[in-house]
Amino acid sequence: MQTLKLKDDVAIQLQQAAEQAHLSSNDLIEQLLNQYAHKEKPATLLTDIINELPEISAFKGDPVEIQRTLRNEWD
């Protein structure tokens, strides 16, 4: 068992939130900690980040042809 020292205003907020959820303060803290522990972690690998990026229609197609088209705009 562990004792937490909370500021008075935080303790009041905890008590009010527990009452609204119809839980004890201990149960509410346990529930919130479980949610925090199971929360999805952000992608850490570059490949994961790239795979999560939205597709951009401007880059669909043959990259060489896109480059040629862009170069021809300068002429």
Protein backbone atom coordinates (compact mmCIF):
# COMPACT_ATOMS: atom_id res chain seq x y z
CA MET A 1 0.00 0.00 0.00
CA GLN A 2 1.16 3.51 -0.78
CA THR A 3 0.02 6.83 0.58
CA LEU A 4 -0.28 9.77 -1.78
CA LYS A 5 0.13 13.36 -0.69
CA LEU A 6 -2.13 15.56 -2.81
CA LYS A 7 -2.74 19.27 -2.71
CA ASP A 8 -6.14 20.11 -1.28
CA ASP A 9 -7.59 21.29 -4.59
CA VAL A 10 -6.36 18.14 -6.36
CA ALA A 11 -7.82 15.94 -3.63
CA ILE A 12 -11.17 17.69 -4.01
CA GLN A 13 -11.09 17.22 -7.79
CA LEU A 14 -10.27 13.53 -7.32
CA GLN A 15 -13.11 13.10 -4.86
CA GLN A 16 -15.59 14.87 -7.16
CA ALA A 17 -14.51 12.86 -10.19
CA ALA A 18 -14.81 9.62 -8.23
CA GLU A 19 -18.30 10.56 -7.05
CA GLN A 20 -19.38 11.39 -10.61
CA ALA A 21 -18.06 8.02 -11.82
CA HIS A 22 -19.70 6.25 -8.84
CA LEU A 23 -16.32 4.86 -7.80
CA SER A 24 -14.03 5.15 -4.83
CA SER A 25 -11.00 7.38 -5.24
CA ASN A 26 -8.78 4.28 -5.20
CA ASP A 27 -10.80 2.58 -7.94
CA LEU A 28 -10.80 5.72 -10.07
CA ILE A 29 -7.02 6.07 -9.79
CA GLU A 30 -6.59 2.39 -10.65
CA GLN A 31 -8.89 2.75 -13.66
CA LEU A 32 -7.07 5.84 -14.91
CA LEU A 33 -3.68 4.15 -14.49
CA ASN A 34 -4.88 1.13 -16.46
CA GLN A 35 -6.11 3.40 -19.27
CA TYR A 36 -2.78 5.23 -19.26
CA ALA A 37 -0.80 1.98 -19.37
CA HIS A 38 -2.84 0.60 -22.28
CA LYS A 39 -2.87 3.81 -24.27
CA GLU A 40 -1.40 3.41 -27.75
CA LYS A 41 2.19 4.48 -27.85
CA PRO A 42 3.30 6.67 -30.75
CA ALA A 43 5.28 5.07 -33.53
CA THR A 44 8.99 5.22 -32.86
CA LEU A 45 10.44 3.66 -36.00
CA LEU A 46 10.80 5.88 -39.03
CA THR A 47 9.12 3.23 -41.20
CA ASP A 48 6.11 3.24 -38.85
CA ILE A 49 5.87 7.03 -39.05
CA ILE A 50 6.12 6.97 -42.85
CA ASN A 51 3.46 4.25 -43.10
CA GLU A 52 1.09 6.38 -41.01
CA LEU A 53 1.41 9.43 -43.28
CA PRO A 54 -1.59 10.19 -45.50
CA GLU A 55 -1.25 9.61 -49.22
CA ILE A 56 -0.68 12.75 -51.25
CA SER A 57 -2.24 12.66 -54.69
CA ALA A 58 0.47 14.93 -56.12
CA PHE A 59 3.02 12.15 -55.67
CA LYS A 60 1.04 9.33 -57.29
CA GLY A 61 2.37 7.96 -60.53
CA ASP A 62 5.82 7.62 -62.04
CA PRO A 63 8.31 9.73 -60.05
CA VAL A 64 10.49 10.32 -63.14
CA GLU A 65 7.52 11.58 -65.13
CA ILE A 66 6.50 13.87 -62.27
CA GLN A 67 10.04 15.28 -62.23
CA ARG A 68 10.01 15.83 -66.01
CA THR A 69 6.66 17.60 -65.79
CA LEU A 70 7.93 19.88 -63.04
CA ARG A 71 11.10 20.68 -64.99
CA ASN A 72 9.07 21.44 -68.11
CA GLU A 73 7.08 24.01 -66.15
CA TRP A 74 10.25 26.09 -65.92
CA ASP A 75 10.71 26.30 -69.72
